[in-house]
Amino acid sequence: MVIQLKLKQIGSLFIVYLILVAILHTVLVVLDYTNLDTTKQLITHGIQTTGDISEFNCEYDDSFAYHFKANGRDYTSRGFSSEYCNHLYIGKEVNVYYVPSDPALTTTETPLACLIHES
């Protein structure tokens, strides 16, 4: 009787585990699709401009911030790159790719390079 009870507990825990894995998988698929959709919009509608580095944190998380102008307004966005970060300085000019209808969709990589990283 004790063994049957233990097996039921293990079975219940296994079902909970499977449910959690399924939920996590769904979230990751949605996030990946969101990134892929952003990249698709950058490829099909994106235009190039220049911006400048306004901040960087290469020692902590390889992140940097950059400013650019689009549609007559100033925008700031963030990028991440361990390769790129070591060559940054405040004011350095960078290429920026953005979607004119939604300048929040932006990257400093060419949109095709983003697609390669996402696959």
C-alpha atoms as a PDB file:
ATOM      1  CA  MET A   1       0.000   0.000   0.000  1.00  0.00           C
ATOM      2  CA  VAL A   2       2.839   2.414   0.868  1.00  0.00           C
ATOM      3  CA  ILE A   3       4.582   1.656  -2.426  1.00  0.00           C
ATOM      4  CA  GLN A   4       1.399   2.352  -4.389  1.00  0.00           C
ATOM      5  CA  LEU A   5       0.979   5.663  -2.565  1.00  0.00           C
ATOM      6  CA  LYS A   6       4.594   6.638  -3.358  1.00  0.00           C
ATOM      7  CA  LEU A   7       4.084   5.727  -7.035  1.00  0.00           C
ATOM      8  CA  LYS A   8       0.957   7.906  -7.169  1.00  0.00           C
ATOM      9  CA  GLN A   9       2.892  10.815  -5.635  1.00  0.00           C
ATOM     10  CA  ILE A  10       5.714  10.353  -8.149  1.00  0.00           C
ATOM     11  CA  GLY A  11       3.172  10.148 -10.960  1.00  0.00           C
ATOM     12  CA  SER A  12       1.496  13.352  -9.789  1.00  0.00           C
ATOM     13  CA  LEU A  13       4.828  15.156  -9.573  1.00  0.00           C
ATOM     14  CA  PHE A  14       5.715  13.944 -13.052  1.00  0.00           C
ATOM     15  CA  ILE A  15       2.441  15.311 -14.444  1.00  0.00           C
ATOM     16  CA  VAL A  16       3.103  18.684 -12.778  1.00  0.00           C
ATOM     17  CA  TYR A  17       6.611  18.618 -14.244  1.00  0.00           C
ATOM     18  CA  LEU A  18       5.260  17.940 -17.736  1.00  0.00           C
ATOM     19  CA  ILE A  19       2.729  20.766 -17.411  1.00  0.00           C
ATOM     20  CA  LEU A  20       5.469  23.203 -16.323  1.00  0.00           C
ATOM     21  CA  VAL A  21       7.705  22.122 -19.225  1.00  0.00           C
ATOM     22  CA  ALA A  22       4.812  22.629 -21.663  1.00  0.00           C
ATOM     23  CA  ILE A  23       4.120  26.120 -20.275  1.00  0.00           C
ATOM     24  CA  LEU A  24       7.802  27.081 -20.465  1.00  0.00           C
ATOM     25  CA  HIS A  25       8.047  25.760 -24.022  1.00  0.00           C
ATOM     26  CA  THR A  26       4.988  27.779 -25.059  1.00  0.00           C
ATOM     27  CA  VAL A  27       6.434  30.972 -23.553  1.00  0.00           C
ATOM     28  CA  LEU A  28       9.771  30.438 -25.307  1.00  0.00           C
ATOM     29  CA  VAL A  29       8.076  29.788 -28.656  1.00  0.00           C
ATOM     30  CA  VAL A  30       6.025  32.980 -28.303  1.00  0.00           C
ATOM     31  CA  LEU A  31       9.123  35.004 -27.395  1.00  0.00           C
ATOM     32  CA  ASP A  32      11.064  33.541 -30.308  1.00  0.00           C
ATOM     33  CA  TYR A  33       8.182  34.264 -32.687  1.00  0.00           C
ATOM     34  CA  THR A  34       8.073  37.849 -31.376  1.00  0.00           C
ATOM     35  CA  ASN A  35      11.788  38.284 -32.120  1.00  0.00           C
ATOM     36  CA  LEU A  36      11.386  36.691 -35.533  1.00  0.00           C
ATOM     37  CA  ASP A  37       8.430  38.978 -36.305  1.00  0.00           C
ATOM     38  CA  THR A  38      10.499  42.018 -35.309  1.00  0.00           C
ATOM     39  CA  THR A  39      13.344  40.867 -37.549  1.00  0.00           C
ATOM     40  CA  LYS A  40      10.908  40.266 -40.416  1.00  0.00           C
ATOM     41  CA  GLN A  41       9.563  43.812 -40.043  1.00  0.00           C
ATOM     42  CA  LEU A  42      13.106  45.210 -39.995  1.00  0.00           C
ATOM     43  CA  ILE A  43      13.962  43.271 -43.169  1.00  0.00           C
ATOM     44  CA  THR A  44      10.819  44.243 -45.075  1.00  0.00           C
ATOM     45  CA  HIS A  45      10.232  47.803 -43.829  1.00  0.00           C
ATOM     46  CA  GLY A  46      13.432  48.868 -42.075  1.00  0.00           C
ATOM     47  CA  ILE A  47      15.549  51.789 -43.138  1.00  0.00           C
ATOM     48  CA  GLN A  48      19.066  52.749 -42.151  1.00  0.00           C
ATOM     49  CA  THR A  49      20.207  55.871 -40.368  1.00  0.00           C
ATOM     50  CA  THR A  50      23.102  56.730 -38.092  1.00  0.00           C
ATOM     51  CA  GLY A  51      23.115  57.156 -34.378  1.00  0.00           C
ATOM     52  CA  ASP A  52      25.670  57.515 -31.639  1.00  0.00           C
ATOM     53  CA  ILE A  53      26.651  55.542 -28.567  1.00  0.00           C
ATOM     54  CA  SER A  54      25.421  57.221 -25.393  1.00  0.00           C
ATOM     55  CA  GLU A  55      26.375  54.620 -22.796  1.00  0.00           C
ATOM     56  CA  PHE A  56      28.037  51.223 -22.558  1.00  0.00           C
ATOM     57  CA  ASN A  57      28.631  48.590 -19.919  1.00  0.00           C
ATOM     58  CA  CYS A  58      31.018  46.053 -21.405  1.00  0.00           C
ATOM     59  CA  GLU A  59      32.330  44.728 -18.116  1.00  0.00           C
ATOM     60  CA  TYR A  60      28.940  43.771 -16.691  1.00  0.00           C
ATOM     61  CA  ASP A  61      26.593  42.609 -19.443  1.00  0.00           C
ATOM     62  CA  ASP A  62      28.007  43.709 -22.832  1.00  0.00           C
ATOM     63  CA  SER A  63      25.189  46.220 -23.257  1.00  0.00           C
ATOM     64  CA  PHE A  64      25.189  49.642 -24.805  1.00  0.00           C
ATOM     65  CA  ALA A  65      22.693  52.416 -25.422  1.00  0.00           C
ATOM     66  CA  TYR A  66      22.456  54.477 -28.563  1.00  0.00           C
ATOM     67  CA  HIS A  67      20.539  57.543 -29.730  1.00  0.00           C
ATOM     68  CA  PHE A  68      19.147  58.128 -33.177  1.00  0.00           C
ATOM     69  CA  LYS A  69      16.659  60.397 -34.910  1.00  0.00           C
ATOM     70  CA  ALA A  70      13.614  59.086 -36.754  1.00  0.00           C
ATOM     71  CA  ASN A  71      10.549  60.897 -38.030  1.00  0.00           C
ATOM     72  CA  GLY A  72      11.885  64.153 -36.567  1.00  0.00           C
ATOM     73  CA  ARG A  73      12.118  62.734 -33.017  1.00  0.00           C
ATOM     74  CA  ASP A  74      14.956  61.484 -30.814  1.00  0.00           C
ATOM     75  CA  TYR A  75      15.000  57.829 -29.770  1.00  0.00           C
ATOM     76  CA  THR A  76      17.171  55.772 -27.463  1.00  0.00           C
ATOM     77  CA  SER A  77      17.531  52.030 -27.629  1.00  0.00           C
ATOM     78  CA  ARG A  78      19.795  49.308 -26.252  1.00  0.00           C
ATOM     79  CA  GLY A  79      22.005  46.722 -27.872  1.00  0.00           C
ATOM     80  CA  PHE A  80      24.029  43.759 -26.665  1.00  0.00           C
ATOM     81  CA  SER A  81      27.224  42.407 -28.180  1.00  0.00           C
ATOM     82  CA  SER A  82      30.352  40.976 -26.623  1.00  0.00           C
ATOM     83  CA  GLU A  83      32.279  41.432 -29.899  1.00  0.00           C
ATOM     84  CA  TYR A  84      31.108  44.977 -30.555  1.00  0.00           C
ATOM     85  CA  CYS A  85      31.224  46.255 -26.990  1.00  0.00           C
ATOM     86  CA  ASN A  86      35.017  46.287 -26.697  1.00  0.00           C
ATOM     87  CA  HIS A  87      35.299  48.890 -29.481  1.00  0.00           C
ATOM     88  CA  LEU A  88      32.760  51.384 -28.126  1.00  0.00           C
ATOM     89  CA  TYR A  89      33.154  54.884 -26.810  1.00  0.00           C
ATOM     90  CA  ILE A  90      30.638  57.610 -26.018  1.00  0.00           C
ATOM     91  CA  GLY A  91      29.725  59.469 -29.209  1.00  0.00           C
ATOM     92  CA  LYS A  92      30.869  56.718 -31.590  1.00  0.00           C
ATOM     93  CA  GLU A  93      28.721  56.712 -34.710  1.00  0.00           C
ATOM     94  CA  VAL A  94      26.801  53.489 -35.380  1.00  0.00           C
ATOM     95  CA  ASN A  95      24.467  52.322 -38.098  1.00  0.00           C
ATOM     96  CA  VAL A  96      20.896  51.996 -36.886  1.00  0.00           C
ATOM     97  CA  TYR A  97      18.124  50.105 -38.636  1.00  0.00           C
ATOM     98  CA  TYR A  98      14.524  50.886 -37.637  1.00  0.00           C
ATOM     99  CA  VAL A  99      10.948  50.541 -38.835  1.00  0.00           C
ATOM    100  CA  PRO A 100       9.579  54.034 -39.677  1.00  0.00           C
ATOM    101  CA  SER A 101       6.048  53.196 -38.510  1.00  0.00           C
ATOM    102  CA  ASP A 102       7.446  51.950 -35.157  1.00  0.00           C
ATOM    103  CA  PRO A 103      10.948  53.281 -34.384  1.00  0.00           C
ATOM    104  CA  ALA A 104      11.011  51.153 -31.223  1.00  0.00           C
ATOM    105  CA  LEU A 105      11.781  48.258 -33.591  1.00  0.00           C
ATOM    106  CA  THR A 106      15.472  48.919 -34.003  1.00  0.00           C
ATOM    107  CA  THR A 107      18.865  47.254 -34.132  1.00  0.00           C
ATOM    108  CA  THR A 108      22.475  48.166 -34.813  1.00  0.00           C
ATOM    109  CA  GLU A 109      23.023  44.926 -36.718  1.00  0.00           C
ATOM    110  CA  THR A 110      21.928  44.534 -40.292  1.00  0.00           C
ATOM    111  CA  PRO A 111      18.463  42.950 -40.255  1.00  0.00           C
ATOM    112  CA  LEU A 112      19.734  39.942 -42.220  1.00  0.00           C
ATOM    113  CA  ALA A 113      22.411  39.363 -39.573  1.00  0.00           C
ATOM    114  CA  CYS A 114      19.652  39.409 -36.941  1.00  0.00           C
ATOM    115  CA  LEU A 115      17.842  36.713 -38.900  1.00  0.00           C
ATOM    116  CA  ILE A 116      20.951  34.535 -38.921  1.00  0.00           C
ATOM    117  CA  HIS A 117      21.345  34.924 -35.138  1.00  0.00           C
ATOM    118  CA  GLU A 118      17.716  33.974 -34.559  1.00  0.00           C
ATOM    119  CA  SER A 119      17.768  30.779 -36.567  1.00  0.00           C
END
